[in-house]
Amino acid sequence: MSTYNYIIKSCLLLQFTDKRFYSGRELTIGVEFGTKFITVDDKQVKLQIWDTAGQESFRSITQSYYRGAAGALLVYDISRRESFEHIPTWLADVRKHANPHTTIMLLGNKSDLDSRKRQVTTEEAKRFAEENDIPLFMETSAKSAENVEEAFIKTAEKVYEKIKDGIFAGNETSGIRLGPTQNSALSEESQAGCCSS
């Protein structure tokens, strides 16, 4: 997940992995990490989520995390226009440093706020996503949990479609590692396919 200098990404990660909201004001220093198992197409999928720092001083470090990413969530705060204005920079970084088949989602966070605080309209963000070939767009609220799980699951589903279509190979350089298949002779608990993104 990438965004400009705000803590909203960390709140989204915490809401998705732990189902709780943290209203603290600590910025991500470098990179934070979270994992969660979800089910996609009746298969167990392990998501590995890297929450990269948004500050310019960490940009060269965070760019290295794009290389193995199968999915990227570009997050902005709907109540802070400046965070939206930095999305083109993050998008360019993802497109430059990540696999060309990386699934990208544009996420506007803080959808729970009073509409008078909104500085970026839903229509403007949708238009930006369409004009920049970003296939997925949603608005979320890390505070209320609205659409948080859905955002991660939709991104994982798109990545999984690319795996099934042969666009992504199951290797470490693509950010995907496939686990045992149904035909293997392993125990039932470990038979489900697994991928990381």
C-alpha atoms as a PDB file:
ATOM      1  CA  MET A   1       0.000   0.000   0.000  1.00  0.00           C
ATOM      2  CA  SER A   2       1.310   3.416  -0.862  1.00  0.00           C
ATOM      3  CA  THR A   3       0.168   6.901  -0.068  1.00  0.00           C
ATOM      4  CA  TYR A   4       1.479  10.327   0.849  1.00  0.00           C
ATOM      5  CA  ASN A   5       2.559  11.025   4.418  1.00  0.00           C
ATOM      6  CA  TYR A   6      -0.588  10.021   6.296  1.00  0.00           C
ATOM      7  CA  ILE A   7      -1.391   7.158   8.642  1.00  0.00           C
ATOM      8  CA  ILE A   8      -4.501   5.986   6.843  1.00  0.00           C
ATOM      9  CA  LYS A   9      -2.734   2.998   5.279  1.00  0.00           C
ATOM     10  CA  SER A  10      -1.663   1.629   8.641  1.00  0.00           C
ATOM     11  CA  CYS A  11      -5.242   1.983   9.864  1.00  0.00           C
ATOM     12  CA  LEU A  12      -6.520   0.085   6.816  1.00  0.00           C
ATOM     13  CA  LEU A  13      -3.987  -2.690   7.357  1.00  0.00           C
ATOM     14  CA  LEU A  14      -4.876  -2.985  11.048  1.00  0.00           C
ATOM     15  CA  GLN A  15      -8.610  -3.003  10.286  1.00  0.00           C
ATOM     16  CA  PHE A  16      -8.158  -5.712   7.633  1.00  0.00           C
ATOM     17  CA  THR A  17      -5.812  -7.999   9.564  1.00  0.00           C
ATOM     18  CA  ASP A  18      -7.032  -7.449  13.157  1.00  0.00           C
ATOM     19  CA  LYS A  19     -10.514  -5.960  12.700  1.00  0.00           C
ATOM     20  CA  ARG A  20      -9.757  -2.985  14.900  1.00  0.00           C
ATOM     21  CA  PHE A  21      -9.219   0.744  14.453  1.00  0.00           C
ATOM     22  CA  TYR A  22      -6.299   2.669  15.865  1.00  0.00           C
ATOM     23  CA  SER A  23      -6.695   6.439  15.954  1.00  0.00           C
ATOM     24  CA  GLY A  24      -3.063   7.188  16.850  1.00  0.00           C
ATOM     25  CA  ARG A  25      -0.943   9.550  14.820  1.00  0.00           C
ATOM     26  CA  GLU A  26       2.236   7.532  14.280  1.00  0.00           C
ATOM     27  CA  LEU A  27       3.599   7.519  10.744  1.00  0.00           C
ATOM     28  CA  THR A  28       4.982   4.372   9.172  1.00  0.00           C
ATOM     29  CA  ILE A  29       8.771   4.419   9.314  1.00  0.00           C
ATOM     30  CA  GLY A  30      10.086   2.366   6.403  1.00  0.00           C
ATOM     31  CA  VAL A  31       7.718  -0.586   6.031  1.00  0.00           C
ATOM     32  CA  GLU A  32       5.144  -2.404   8.177  1.00  0.00           C
ATOM     33  CA  PHE A  33       3.940  -5.905   7.412  1.00  0.00           C
ATOM     34  CA  GLY A  34       0.727  -7.867   7.899  1.00  0.00           C
ATOM     35  CA  THR A  35      -0.722 -11.176   6.739  1.00  0.00           C
ATOM     36  CA  LYS A  36      -4.193 -12.600   6.455  1.00  0.00           C
ATOM     37  CA  PHE A  37      -5.699 -15.763   5.010  1.00  0.00           C
ATOM     38  CA  ILE A  38      -8.748 -15.336   2.798  1.00  0.00           C
ATOM     39  CA  THR A  39     -10.681 -17.639   0.487  1.00  0.00           C
ATOM     40  CA  VAL A  40     -10.742 -16.970  -3.249  1.00  0.00           C
ATOM     41  CA  ASP A  41     -12.470 -19.388  -5.620  1.00  0.00           C
ATOM     42  CA  ASP A  42     -12.642 -22.000  -2.832  1.00  0.00           C
ATOM     43  CA  LYS A  43      -8.865 -21.801  -2.336  1.00  0.00           C
ATOM     44  CA  GLN A  44      -7.006 -20.613   0.739  1.00  0.00           C
ATOM     45  CA  VAL A  45      -4.947 -17.512  -0.117  1.00  0.00           C
ATOM     46  CA  LYS A  46      -2.362 -15.953   2.168  1.00  0.00           C
ATOM     47  CA  LEU A  47      -2.039 -12.230   1.591  1.00  0.00           C
ATOM     48  CA  GLN A  48       1.243 -10.656   2.604  1.00  0.00           C
ATOM     49  CA  ILE A  49       0.694  -6.917   2.865  1.00  0.00           C
ATOM     50  CA  TRP A  50       3.507  -4.389   2.964  1.00  0.00           C
ATOM     51  CA  ASP A  51       2.517  -0.959   4.267  1.00  0.00           C
ATOM     52  CA  THR A  52       5.170   1.366   2.871  1.00  0.00           C
ATOM     53  CA  ALA A  53       6.051   4.763   4.300  1.00  0.00           C
ATOM     54  CA  GLY A  54       4.616   7.717   2.441  1.00  0.00           C
ATOM     55  CA  GLN A  55       7.282  10.238   3.302  1.00  0.00           C
ATOM     56  CA  GLU A  56       9.557  11.339   0.454  1.00  0.00           C
ATOM     57  CA  SER A  57      12.648  10.441   2.536  1.00  0.00           C
ATOM     58  CA  PHE A  58      11.638   6.732   2.388  1.00  0.00           C
ATOM     59  CA  ARG A  59      10.713   6.675  -1.286  1.00  0.00           C
ATOM     60  CA  SER A  60      13.824   4.858  -2.519  1.00  0.00           C
ATOM     61  CA  ILE A  61      13.365   2.184   0.150  1.00  0.00           C
ATOM     62  CA  THR A  62       9.675   1.650  -0.559  1.00  0.00           C
ATOM     63  CA  GLN A  63      10.257   1.373  -4.313  1.00  0.00           C
ATOM     64  CA  SER A  64      12.173  -1.867  -3.738  1.00  0.00           C
ATOM     65  CA  TYR A  65       9.015  -3.447  -2.257  1.00  0.00           C
ATOM     66  CA  TYR A  66       7.129  -2.952  -5.532  1.00  0.00           C
ATOM     67  CA  ARG A  67       9.292  -5.514  -7.358  1.00  0.00           C
ATOM     68  CA  GLY A  68       7.625  -8.550  -5.827  1.00  0.00           C
ATOM     69  CA  ALA A  69       4.119  -7.092  -5.588  1.00  0.00           C
ATOM     70  CA  ALA A  70       1.230  -8.844  -7.306  1.00  0.00           C
ATOM     71  CA  GLY A  71      -1.175  -6.120  -6.148  1.00  0.00           C
ATOM     72  CA  ALA A  72      -0.882  -2.470  -5.160  1.00  0.00           C
ATOM     73  CA  LEU A  73      -3.401  -0.352  -3.276  1.00  0.00           C
ATOM     74  CA  LEU A  74      -2.860   3.366  -3.819  1.00  0.00           C
ATOM     75  CA  VAL A  75      -4.541   5.105  -0.895  1.00  0.00           C
ATOM     76  CA  TYR A  76      -5.555   8.724  -0.484  1.00  0.00           C
ATOM     77  CA  ASP A  77      -7.538  10.582   2.166  1.00  0.00           C
ATOM     78  CA  ILE A  78     -10.790  11.932   0.691  1.00  0.00           C
ATOM     79  CA  SER A  79     -10.563  14.884   3.115  1.00  0.00           C
ATOM     80  CA  ARG A  80      -7.026  15.899   2.031  1.00  0.00           C
ATOM     81  CA  ARG A  81      -6.673  16.903  -1.594  1.00  0.00           C
ATOM     82  CA  GLU A  82      -2.895  16.917  -1.362  1.00  0.00           C
ATOM     83  CA  SER A  83      -2.902  13.157  -0.694  1.00  0.00           C
ATOM     84  CA  PHE A  84      -4.892  12.617  -3.910  1.00  0.00           C
ATOM     85  CA  GLU A  85      -2.550  14.902  -5.838  1.00  0.00           C
ATOM     86  CA  HIS A  86       0.358  12.604  -4.942  1.00  0.00           C
ATOM     87  CA  ILE A  87      -1.341   9.498  -6.386  1.00  0.00           C
ATOM     88  CA  PRO A  88       0.157  10.053  -9.888  1.00  0.00           C
ATOM     89  CA  THR A  89       3.655   9.902  -8.361  1.00  0.00           C
ATOM     90  CA  TRP A  90       2.890   6.645  -6.535  1.00  0.00           C
ATOM     91  CA  LEU A  91       1.233   5.219  -9.639  1.00  0.00           C
ATOM     92  CA  ALA A  92       4.297   6.048 -11.734  1.00  0.00           C
ATOM     93  CA  ASP A  93       6.524   4.359  -9.140  1.00  0.00           C
ATOM     94  CA  VAL A  94       4.397   1.206  -9.152  1.00  0.00           C
ATOM     95  CA  ARG A  95       4.364   1.080 -12.946  1.00  0.00           C
ATOM     96  CA  LYS A  96       8.106   1.653 -13.113  1.00  0.00           C
ATOM     97  CA  HIS A  97       9.225  -0.761 -10.384  1.00  0.00           C
ATOM     98  CA  ALA A  98       6.531  -3.466 -10.149  1.00  0.00           C
ATOM     99  CA  ASN A  99       5.663  -6.338 -12.440  1.00  0.00           C
ATOM    100  CA  PRO A 100       3.757  -4.918 -15.442  1.00  0.00           C
ATOM    101  CA  HIS A 101       0.824  -7.208 -14.562  1.00  0.00           C
ATOM    102  CA  THR A 102       0.495  -5.947 -10.977  1.00  0.00           C
ATOM    103  CA  THR A 103      -3.155  -5.366 -10.095  1.00  0.00           C
ATOM    104  CA  ILE A 104      -3.698  -1.780  -8.979  1.00  0.00           C
ATOM    105  CA  MET A 105      -6.575  -0.445  -6.880  1.00  0.00           C
ATOM    106  CA  LEU A 106      -7.217   3.204  -6.102  1.00  0.00           C
ATOM    107  CA  LEU A 107      -8.629   3.586  -2.580  1.00  0.00           C
ATOM    108  CA  GLY A 108     -10.191   6.704  -1.115  1.00  0.00           C
ATOM    109  CA  ASN A 109     -10.241   6.365   2.652  1.00  0.00           C
ATOM    110  CA  LYS A 110     -12.366   8.106   5.316  1.00  0.00           C
ATOM    111  CA  SER A 111     -15.697   7.613   3.575  1.00  0.00           C
ATOM    112  CA  ASP A 112     -17.302   7.838   7.025  1.00  0.00           C
ATOM    113  CA  LEU A 113     -16.612  11.580   7.281  1.00  0.00           C
ATOM    114  CA  ASP A 114     -19.271  14.232   6.930  1.00  0.00           C
ATOM    115  CA  SER A 115     -19.562  15.148   3.243  1.00  0.00           C
ATOM    116  CA  ARG A 116     -18.630  18.761   4.023  1.00  0.00           C
ATOM    117  CA  LYS A 117     -15.092  17.572   4.864  1.00  0.00           C
ATOM    118  CA  ARG A 118     -14.654  15.847   1.516  1.00  0.00           C
ATOM    119  CA  GLN A 119     -12.052  17.457  -0.784  1.00  0.00           C
ATOM    120  CA  VAL A 120     -11.994  14.713  -3.458  1.00  0.00           C
ATOM    121  CA  THR A 121     -15.283  13.630  -5.006  1.00  0.00           C
ATOM    122  CA  THR A 122     -16.050  10.020  -5.830  1.00  0.00           C
ATOM    123  CA  GLU A 123     -16.624  11.003  -9.460  1.00  0.00           C
ATOM    124  CA  GLU A 124     -13.218  12.719  -9.713  1.00  0.00           C
ATOM    125  CA  ALA A 125     -11.441   9.671  -8.309  1.00  0.00           C
ATOM    126  CA  LYS A 126     -13.368   7.279 -10.597  1.00  0.00           C
ATOM    127  CA  ARG A 127     -12.459   9.438 -13.583  1.00  0.00           C
ATOM    128  CA  PHE A 128      -8.787   9.438 -12.532  1.00  0.00           C
ATOM    129  CA  ALA A 129      -8.838   5.640 -12.234  1.00  0.00           C
ATOM    130  CA  GLU A 130     -10.427   5.250 -15.684  1.00  0.00           C
ATOM    131  CA  GLU A 131      -8.070   7.746 -17.356  1.00  0.00           C
ATOM    132  CA  ASN A 132      -5.047   6.000 -15.842  1.00  0.00           C
ATOM    133  CA  ASP A 133      -6.088   2.405 -16.528  1.00  0.00           C
ATOM    134  CA  ILE A 134      -6.511   1.567 -12.853  1.00  0.00           C
ATOM    135  CA  PRO A 135      -8.966  -1.342 -12.971  1.00  0.00           C
ATOM    136  CA  LEU A 136     -10.241  -1.118  -9.407  1.00  0.00           C
ATOM    137  CA  PHE A 137     -11.561   1.797  -7.355  1.00  0.00           C
ATOM    138  CA  MET A 138     -13.336   1.904  -3.998  1.00  0.00           C
ATOM    139  CA  GLU A 139     -13.906   4.196  -1.079  1.00  0.00           C
ATOM    140  CA  THR A 140     -13.335   2.802   2.388  1.00  0.00           C
ATOM    141  CA  SER A 141     -13.413   3.724   6.019  1.00  0.00           C
ATOM    142  CA  ALA A 142     -10.721   2.256   8.235  1.00  0.00           C
ATOM    143  CA  LYS A 143     -12.678   3.616  11.205  1.00  0.00           C
ATOM    144  CA  SER A 144     -16.035   1.942  10.455  1.00  0.00           C
ATOM    145  CA  ALA A 145     -14.493  -0.932   8.432  1.00  0.00           C
ATOM    146  CA  GLU A 146     -16.736  -0.075   5.466  1.00  0.00           C
ATOM    147  CA  ASN A 147     -15.377  -1.764   2.306  1.00  0.00           C
ATOM    148  CA  VAL A 148     -11.978  -2.501   3.891  1.00  0.00           C
ATOM    149  CA  GLU A 149     -12.171  -6.274   3.589  1.00  0.00           C
ATOM    150  CA  GLU A 150     -13.853  -5.950   0.199  1.00  0.00           C
ATOM    151  CA  ALA A 151     -10.977  -3.820  -1.141  1.00  0.00           C
ATOM    152  CA  PHE A 152      -8.339  -6.395  -0.254  1.00  0.00           C
ATOM    153  CA  ILE A 153     -10.488  -9.297  -1.454  1.00  0.00           C
ATOM    154  CA  LYS A 154     -11.305  -7.647  -4.804  1.00  0.00           C
ATOM    155  CA  THR A 155      -7.609  -7.027  -5.376  1.00  0.00           C
ATOM    156  CA  ALA A 156      -6.767 -10.628  -4.457  1.00  0.00           C
ATOM    157  CA  GLU A 157      -9.506 -11.912  -6.771  1.00  0.00           C
ATOM    158  CA  LYS A 158      -8.056  -9.934  -9.699  1.00  0.00           C
ATOM    159  CA  VAL A 159      -4.582 -11.314  -8.950  1.00  0.00           C
ATOM    160  CA  TYR A 160      -6.030 -14.826  -8.763  1.00  0.00           C
ATOM    161  CA  GLU A 161      -7.736 -14.351 -12.156  1.00  0.00           C
ATOM    162  CA  LYS A 162      -4.341 -13.470 -13.614  1.00  0.00           C
ATOM    163  CA  ILE A 163      -2.853 -16.628 -12.110  1.00  0.00           C
ATOM    164  CA  LYS A 164      -5.626 -18.771 -13.614  1.00  0.00           C
ATOM    165  CA  ASP A 165      -5.194 -17.038 -16.990  1.00  0.00           C
ATOM    166  CA  GLY A 166      -1.439 -17.722 -16.934  1.00  0.00           C
ATOM    167  CA  ILE A 167      -0.540 -14.027 -16.791  1.00  0.00           C
ATOM    168  CA  PHE A 168       1.252 -14.453 -13.462  1.00  0.00           C
ATOM    169  CA  ALA A 169       3.649 -17.332 -13.035  1.00  0.00           C
ATOM    170  CA  GLY A 170       3.829 -18.882  -9.578  1.00  0.00           C
ATOM    171  CA  ASN A 171       7.330 -17.770  -8.686  1.00  0.00           C
ATOM    172  CA  GLU A 172       8.955 -15.445  -6.213  1.00  0.00           C
ATOM    173  CA  THR A 173       9.742 -12.733  -8.794  1.00  0.00           C
ATOM    174  CA  SER A 174       6.041 -12.328  -9.574  1.00  0.00           C
ATOM    175  CA  GLY A 175       5.216 -12.006  -5.863  1.00  0.00           C
ATOM    176  CA  ILE A 176       3.232 -15.233  -6.014  1.00  0.00           C
ATOM    177  CA  ARG A 177       4.050 -18.581  -4.514  1.00  0.00           C
ATOM    178  CA  LEU A 178       1.678 -21.414  -5.241  1.00  0.00           C
ATOM    179  CA  GLY A 179       1.128 -24.016  -2.553  1.00  0.00           C
ATOM    180  CA  PRO A 180       0.203 -27.682  -2.882  1.00  0.00           C
ATOM    181  CA  THR A 181      -2.668 -28.505  -5.230  1.00  0.00           C
ATOM    182  CA  GLN A 182      -5.630 -30.787  -4.689  1.00  0.00           C
ATOM    183  CA  ASN A 183      -3.779 -33.634  -6.450  1.00  0.00           C
ATOM    184  CA  SER A 184      -0.906 -33.776  -3.986  1.00  0.00           C
ATOM    185  CA  ALA A 185      -0.660 -36.473  -1.352  1.00  0.00           C
ATOM    186  CA  LEU A 186      -0.470 -34.001   1.538  1.00  0.00           C
ATOM    187  CA  SER A 187      -2.854 -33.717   4.484  1.00  0.00           C
ATOM    188  CA  GLU A 188      -6.226 -32.069   3.931  1.00  0.00           C
ATOM    189  CA  GLU A 189      -5.246 -28.905   5.810  1.00  0.00           C
ATOM    190  CA  SER A 190      -2.411 -28.145   3.414  1.00  0.00           C
ATOM    191  CA  GLN A 191      -4.125 -29.121   0.173  1.00  0.00           C
ATOM    192  CA  ALA A 192      -5.484 -25.706  -0.739  1.00  0.00           C
ATOM    193  CA  GLY A 193      -3.533 -23.576  -3.205  1.00  0.00           C
ATOM    194  CA  CYS A 194      -1.847 -20.558  -1.715  1.00  0.00           C
ATOM    195  CA  CYS A 195      -0.414 -17.393  -3.145  1.00  0.00           C
ATOM    196  CA  SER A 196       1.200 -14.309  -1.671  1.00  0.00           C
ATOM    197  CA  SER A 197       0.708 -10.745  -2.688  1.00  0.00           C
END
